Protein backbone atom coordinates (compact mmCIF):
# COMPACT_ATOMS: atom_id res chain seq x y z
CA MET A 1 10.34 -19.02 5.19
CA LEU A 2 9.23 -21.96 2.85
CA SER A 3 8.09 -21.52 -0.53
CA ARG A 4 5.15 -23.78 -0.49
CA THR A 5 4.05 -21.99 2.60
CA ALA A 6 5.06 -18.49 0.75
CA GLU A 7 3.13 -19.66 -2.35
CA ASN A 8 -0.30 -20.84 0.09
CA LEU A 9 -0.03 -16.99 1.55
CA PHE A 10 0.02 -15.36 -1.81
CA TRP A 11 -2.45 -17.32 -3.53
CA MET A 12 -4.72 -17.26 -0.35
CA ALA A 13 -4.79 -13.33 -0.57
CA ARG A 14 -5.16 -13.52 -4.56
CA TYR A 15 -8.39 -15.77 -3.80
CA MET A 16 -10.07 -13.89 -1.31
CA GLU A 17 -9.44 -10.31 -3.61
CA ARG A 18 -10.54 -12.19 -6.40
CA ALA A 19 -14.46 -13.11 -4.93
CA GLU A 20 -14.66 -9.69 -3.51
CA ALA A 21 -13.99 -8.34 -6.99
CA THR A 22 -16.15 -10.84 -8.85
CA SER A 23 -18.90 -9.77 -6.51
CA ARG A 24 -18.35 -6.10 -7.20
CA LEU A 25 -18.52 -7.04 -11.13
CA LEU A 26 -21.73 -8.40 -10.24
CA THR A 27 -22.84 -5.66 -8.42
CA MET A 28 -21.89 -3.68 -11.68
CA GLY A 29 -24.07 -5.59 -13.96
CA GLN A 30 -26.89 -5.51 -11.62
CA ARG A 31 -26.26 -1.59 -11.95
CA MET A 32 -25.46 -0.99 -15.57
CA ALA A 33 -28.46 -3.73 -16.56
CA ILE A 34 -31.01 -1.74 -15.27
CA LEU A 35 -30.81 1.13 -17.75
CA PRO A 36 -33.50 1.07 -21.12
CA GLY A 37 -31.61 -0.95 -23.91
CA ALA A 38 -29.67 -3.09 -21.65
CA HIS A 39 -30.71 -6.49 -23.51
CA HIS A 40 -29.96 -5.36 -26.93
CA ARG A 41 -26.47 -3.84 -25.29
CA ASP A 42 -25.82 -7.61 -23.25
CA GLU A 43 -24.66 -5.66 -20.53
CA TRP A 44 -23.70 -9.50 -18.69
CA ARG A 45 -22.09 -10.58 -21.79
CA SER A 46 -19.64 -7.63 -20.57
CA VAL A 47 -19.28 -8.34 -17.11
CA VAL A 48 -18.54 -11.92 -17.89
CA ARG A 49 -15.76 -11.03 -20.34
CA ALA A 50 -13.80 -8.94 -17.63
CA THR A 51 -12.85 -11.85 -16.09
CA GLY A 52 -11.31 -13.72 -18.76
CA ALA A 53 -14.15 -16.21 -19.37
CA GLY A 54 -15.80 -14.46 -22.43
CA HIS A 55 -15.05 -17.53 -24.70
CA GLN A 56 -17.63 -19.49 -22.41
CA PHE A 57 -20.90 -17.96 -23.75
CA PRO A 58 -21.25 -18.75 -28.11
CA GLU A 59 -21.43 -15.07 -29.60
CA GLY A 60 -24.80 -14.09 -30.53
CA THR A 61 -26.53 -15.44 -27.64
CA ILE A 62 -27.51 -13.30 -24.64
CA VAL A 63 -25.63 -13.87 -21.21
CA THR A 64 -29.04 -13.36 -18.97
CA GLU A 65 -28.67 -12.55 -15.05
CA SER A 66 -29.18 -15.73 -14.10
CA ASP A 67 -26.51 -17.11 -16.67
CA ALA A 68 -23.94 -14.80 -15.34
CA ILE A 69 -24.72 -15.46 -11.49
CA ALA A 70 -24.31 -19.77 -11.88
CA PHE A 71 -21.21 -19.25 -13.70
CA LEU A 72 -19.39 -16.29 -11.39
CA MET A 73 -20.39 -17.17 -7.88
CA LEU A 74 -21.72 -21.15 -7.69
CA ASP A 75 -19.74 -23.15 -10.56
CA LEU A 76 -17.32 -24.94 -8.85
CA ASP A 77 -15.70 -25.93 -12.43
CA ASN A 78 -15.36 -21.86 -12.71
CA PRO A 79 -11.57 -21.51 -11.27
CA SER A 80 -12.16 -18.01 -10.49
CA SER A 81 -16.24 -18.30 -9.18
CA ILE A 82 -16.77 -16.63 -6.19
CA ARG A 83 -17.69 -20.27 -4.55
CA SER A 84 -14.23 -21.61 -6.03
CA CYS A 85 -12.61 -18.62 -4.63
CA LEU A 86 -13.64 -19.21 -1.13
CA LEU A 87 -12.99 -22.66 -1.03
CA LYS A 88 -9.30 -22.56 -2.34
CA ALA A 89 -8.75 -19.32 -0.17
CA ARG A 90 -9.81 -21.50 2.72
CA ALA A 91 -7.65 -24.80 1.29
CA ASN A 92 -4.38 -22.66 1.41
CA ALA A 93 -5.10 -21.38 4.48
CA LYS A 94 -4.93 -25.04 6.11
CA SER A 95 -2.08 -25.81 4.34
CA ALA A 96 -0.20 -22.33 5.59
CA ARG A 97 -2.50 -22.62 9.26
CA THR A 98 0.95 -21.41 11.29
CA MET A 99 1.12 -17.96 9.85
CA LEU A 100 -2.14 -16.87 10.68
CA THR A 101 -4.11 -15.37 13.50
CA GLN A 102 -6.68 -17.20 14.92
CA ASP A 103 -8.87 -14.26 13.70
CA MET A 104 -7.63 -14.55 10.30
CA TRP A 105 -8.71 -18.44 10.14
CA GLU A 106 -12.34 -17.84 11.62
CA ALA A 107 -12.95 -15.65 9.19
CA LEU A 108 -12.41 -17.84 6.52
CA ASN A 109 -13.72 -20.82 8.16
CA GLU A 110 -16.92 -19.29 9.62
CA GLY A 111 -19.59 -20.11 6.39
CA TRP A 112 -17.14 -21.31 4.33
CA ARG A 113 -19.82 -23.91 2.56
CA LYS A 114 -22.13 -21.28 2.31
CA LEU A 115 -22.96 -21.14 -1.54
CA ASP A 116 -22.84 -24.44 -1.77
CA SER A 117 -26.91 -24.47 -0.61
CA TYR A 118 -28.19 -22.31 -3.40
CA ASP A 119 -29.11 -22.92 -6.64
CA VAL A 120 -29.25 -20.01 -9.12
CA SER A 121 -33.10 -19.03 -8.51
CA GLU A 122 -32.07 -18.34 -5.07
CA ALA A 123 -28.71 -16.81 -5.10
CA ARG A 124 -30.43 -14.27 -8.05
CA GLN A 125 -33.11 -13.67 -5.63
CA GLN A 126 -31.11 -13.19 -2.89
CA LEU A 127 -27.98 -11.52 -4.59
CA PRO A 128 -27.43 -8.29 -2.86
CA ALA A 129 -27.64 -10.14 0.71
CA LEU A 130 -24.97 -12.18 -0.63
CA ILE A 131 -22.85 -10.31 -2.03
CA ASP A 132 -22.63 -8.49 1.17
CA TRP A 133 -21.73 -11.47 2.88
CA VAL A 134 -18.80 -11.61 0.11
CA LYS A 135 -17.81 -8.36 1.23
CA THR A 136 -17.71 -8.96 4.36
CA ARG A 137 -15.65 -12.14 4.85
CA VAL A 138 -13.28 -10.88 2.76
CA MET A 139 -13.06 -7.65 4.72
CA THR A 140 -13.33 -9.29 8.05
CA PHE A 141 -9.79 -11.37 6.69
CA ARG A 142 -8.26 -8.26 5.68
CA GLY A 143 -8.93 -6.56 8.78
CA ALA A 144 -8.15 -9.45 11.04
CA ALA A 145 -4.54 -9.46 8.80
CA HIS A 146 -4.26 -6.27 9.14
CA SER A 147 -4.24 -5.84 13.16
CA GLY A 148 -3.08 -9.39 14.50
CA GLN A 149 -0.92 -10.77 11.79
CA LEU A 150 3.23 -10.16 12.44
CA ARG A 151 5.45 -7.68 10.30
CA ASN A 152 6.91 -10.45 8.66
CA GLU A 153 8.01 -12.00 5.23
CA GLY A 154 4.39 -14.09 5.39
CA HIS A 155 2.88 -10.87 5.58
CA ASP A 156 4.43 -9.59 2.68
CA PHE A 157 3.75 -11.86 0.37
CA LEU A 158 -0.03 -11.71 1.64
CA ARG A 159 -0.16 -7.83 0.77
CA THR A 160 1.82 -8.94 -2.54
CA GLY A 161 -0.94 -11.16 -3.64
CA SER A 162 -3.56 -9.15 -2.15
CA ALA A 163 -2.31 -5.36 -4.27
CA LEU A 164 -1.70 -7.45 -7.53
CA GLU A 165 -5.64 -9.42 -7.56
CA ARG A 166 -7.14 -5.42 -6.47
CA ALA A 167 -5.02 -3.94 -9.59
CA GLN A 168 -6.54 -6.72 -11.27
CA MET A 169 -9.63 -5.93 -10.28
CA THR A 170 -10.12 -2.25 -11.15
CA LEU A 171 -8.66 -2.74 -14.89
CA ARG A 172 -10.96 -5.46 -15.11
CA LEU A 173 -14.11 -3.27 -14.19
CA LEU A 174 -12.99 -0.35 -16.38
CA ASP A 175 -12.81 -2.90 -19.42
CA VAL A 176 -16.42 -3.87 -18.67
CA LYS A 177 -16.83 0.22 -18.93
CA TYR A 178 -15.13 0.00 -22.29
CA TYR A 179 -17.20 -3.50 -23.24
CA VAL A 180 -20.59 -1.50 -22.54
CA LEU A 181 -20.11 1.52 -24.58
CA LEU A 182 -17.87 -0.15 -27.43
CA PRO A 183 -21.42 -0.50 -29.50
CA GLU A 184 -22.97 3.06 -28.81
CA THR A 185 -20.19 5.99 -29.29
CA GLU A 186 -22.75 8.11 -30.00
CA VAL A 187 -23.99 8.09 -26.24
CA ILE A 188 -20.63 9.12 -24.60
CA GLY A 189 -21.38 11.97 -22.49
CA GLY A 190 -25.20 11.03 -22.26
CA ASN A 191 -27.24 10.32 -19.08
CA ARG A 192 -26.91 6.67 -19.35
CA ASP A 193 -23.27 6.95 -19.65
CA HIS A 194 -22.64 9.36 -16.42
CA TYR A 195 -24.52 6.45 -15.03
CA GLN A 196 -22.27 3.75 -15.69
CA TRP A 197 -19.63 5.80 -15.27
CA THR A 198 -20.57 6.38 -11.48
CA SER A 199 -21.43 2.85 -11.16
CA VAL A 200 -17.72 2.18 -11.46
CA LEU A 201 -16.76 4.17 -8.84
CA TYR A 202 -19.27 2.90 -6.89
CA ALA A 203 -18.57 -1.11 -7.10
CA LEU A 204 -15.02 0.48 -6.13
CA SER A 205 -16.70 1.37 -3.14
CA GLY A 206 -14.42 5.42 -4.29
CA ALA A 207 -17.67 7.34 -5.04
CA ARG A 208 -17.17 9.44 -2.00
CA ALA A 209 -13.76 9.42 -2.35
CA TYR A 210 -14.18 10.80 -6.06
CA HIS A 211 -16.45 13.39 -4.96
CA HIS A 212 -13.69 14.33 -2.07
CA VAL A 213 -11.14 15.16 -5.05
CA TYR A 214 -13.05 16.42 -7.68
CA GLY A 215 -16.05 17.83 -5.76
CA GLY A 216 -19.81 17.08 -8.15
CA THR A 217 -18.19 17.03 -11.47
CA TYR A 218 -18.19 13.51 -12.94
CA THR A 219 -16.79 13.26 -16.52
CA PRO A 220 -15.35 10.17 -17.80
CA TRP A 221 -11.39 11.38 -17.40
CA GLN A 222 -11.62 12.34 -14.64
CA ILE A 223 -13.38 8.98 -12.98
CA THR A 224 -10.38 6.94 -15.28
CA ASP A 225 -7.41 9.19 -13.62
CA PHE A 226 -8.38 9.13 -10.56
CA LEU A 227 -9.18 4.58 -10.50
CA MET A 228 -5.63 4.69 -12.85
CA LEU A 229 -3.48 7.54 -11.32
CA ASN A 230 -4.69 8.87 -7.98
CA ARG A 231 -1.85 7.76 -5.40
CA LEU A 232 -4.15 7.86 -2.31
CA PHE A 233 -6.88 5.85 -3.13
CA PRO A 234 -6.49 2.11 -1.96
CA ARG A 235 -8.27 0.70 -5.21
CA SER A 236 -6.16 3.02 -7.76
CA VAL A 237 -4.00 0.76 -9.95
CA ALA A 238 -1.36 3.54 -9.03
CA TYR A 239 -1.81 2.85 -5.48
CA CYS A 240 -1.73 -1.31 -5.88
CA TYR A 241 1.52 -1.03 -8.09
CA ASP A 242 3.21 1.00 -5.36
CA GLN A 243 1.94 -1.40 -2.74
CA LEU A 244 3.58 -3.94 -4.61
CA ALA A 245 6.86 -2.08 -5.53
CA TYR A 246 7.17 -1.62 -1.35
CA ARG A 247 6.08 -5.61 -0.72
CA LEU A 248 8.43 -6.84 -3.60
CA ASN A 249 11.44 -4.62 -2.25
CA ARG A 250 10.79 -5.45 1.40
CA LEU A 251 11.05 -9.27 -0.28
CA ALA A 252 14.03 -8.43 -1.34
CA GLY A 253 15.52 -7.50 2.20
CA TRP A 254 14.08 -10.27 3.86
CA HIS A 255 16.05 -13.05 1.14
CA ASP A 256 19.01 -10.69 0.28
CA ALA A 257 18.31 -11.47 -3.49
CA LYS A 258 15.86 -9.95 -6.40
CA GLY A 259 14.40 -10.98 -9.28
CA PRO A 260 12.73 -10.15 -12.83
CA CYS A 261 9.67 -8.86 -10.64
CA HIS A 262 11.69 -6.38 -9.30
CA ASP A 263 12.36 -4.58 -12.27
CA THR A 264 9.31 -4.96 -13.86
CA VAL A 265 7.31 -4.09 -10.72
CA ARG A 266 9.74 -0.59 -11.55
CA ASP A 267 9.10 -0.28 -15.12
CA MET A 268 5.05 -0.57 -13.97
CA VAL A 269 5.31 2.18 -11.27
CA ALA A 270 7.22 4.98 -13.62
CA GLY A 271 5.10 4.00 -16.71
CA LEU A 272 1.91 5.24 -14.60
CA GLU A 273 3.64 8.08 -12.98
CA GLN A 274 4.85 9.51 -16.61
CA GLN A 275 1.06 9.12 -17.55
CA ASP A 276 -0.65 13.32 -17.53
CA SER A 277 -4.39 14.32 -16.16
CA GLY A 278 -6.50 12.86 -19.00
CA GLU A 279 -3.84 11.22 -21.04
CA ILE A 280 -5.15 7.53 -20.39
CA PHE A 281 -8.51 8.60 -22.20
CA ARG A 282 -6.92 10.53 -24.77
CA ARG A 283 -4.67 7.42 -25.81
CA GLY A 284 -7.28 4.95 -25.22
CA LEU A 285 -8.45 3.39 -22.60
CA HIS A 286 -9.00 -0.24 -23.84
CA GLU A 287 -5.18 0.27 -24.72
CA THR A 288 -4.00 1.09 -21.29
CA VAL A 289 -6.27 -1.58 -18.96
CA GLN A 290 -5.15 -4.12 -21.84
CA ASN A 291 -1.34 -3.29 -20.99
CA GLY A 292 -2.10 -3.40 -17.76
CA LEU A 293 -3.35 -6.84 -17.59
CA THR A 294 -1.10 -8.16 -19.65
CA MET A 295 1.59 -6.54 -17.07
CA THR A 296 -0.20 -7.84 -14.22
CA ASN A 297 0.09 -11.43 -15.53
CA ARG A 298 3.02 -11.34 -16.22
CA LEU A 299 4.11 -9.90 -12.90
CA GLY A 300 2.37 -12.44 -11.02
CA SER A 301 4.49 -15.23 -13.22
CA GLU A 302 7.72 -13.79 -12.51
CA ILE A 303 6.77 -13.65 -8.93
CA ALA A 304 6.20 -17.24 -8.79
CA GLN A 305 9.77 -17.66 -10.49
CA THR A 306 11.50 -15.49 -8.61
CA TYR A 307 10.50 -17.35 -5.53
CA HIS A 308 10.27 -20.87 -6.58
CA PHE A 309 6.29 -21.09 -6.64
CA GLY A 310 5.05 -25.00 -7.40
């Protein structure tokens, strides 16, 4: 396979996952912003900050819901906005058209300019419906790939990009929680803290799966363990790391060669395997999340180097 085609598939998957991730961040922001005192905690800044773009808004100013929606959903100058991601995913798909099924292409192509017709006020009024639309488009694309695409190296590049972006999504959502609580550590364990933690689960569609594992007890350390270490939940960091290791090993077989990315992903998997229950929360969630984001960014760069992207 040409490296350019592999790069198109890898980034197409990443952009689709990123669009969904950003929509989930917006959902989580809405849930947290309705709590008492949200204005003073600047919940929406924490959401923007989790995308790595906190510097776009001057410190000391309140980031409003309209600001967050404009920047994270509609702004074409923001390369990680939902609108930008969907456009880039489609552009990558056009360049790798022969590797996609008809259903995959239609999932990317249907309504691809939908967000062009919205201004901030309209998007804010219809935010739940727009978020559902984005999630449906991504899940339709994902289902089409799962049910119809050949299990060749193109599929492995697609799944590698998806797993990498999904791991970062879960890490960023946990980082939102960290930044929201940072100024108010005295509320840990209170009703608002409980609501915020369950908001993380709902944002990742993990509330029912968590309940199946832990029952009706919701504690910060159990939720952290579930989202970081549970190898059965498909949005946990551990599950994504396992998928990355599996897909990269398959790609090593296709190409009969390994690179630095294979060593890095092995270290990432091993690092989580050594964590005991509750250890992440005791040692520091923020440090663990930041290390995870650093390692996933490094892995993405090494994948690009190994397979000659760009």
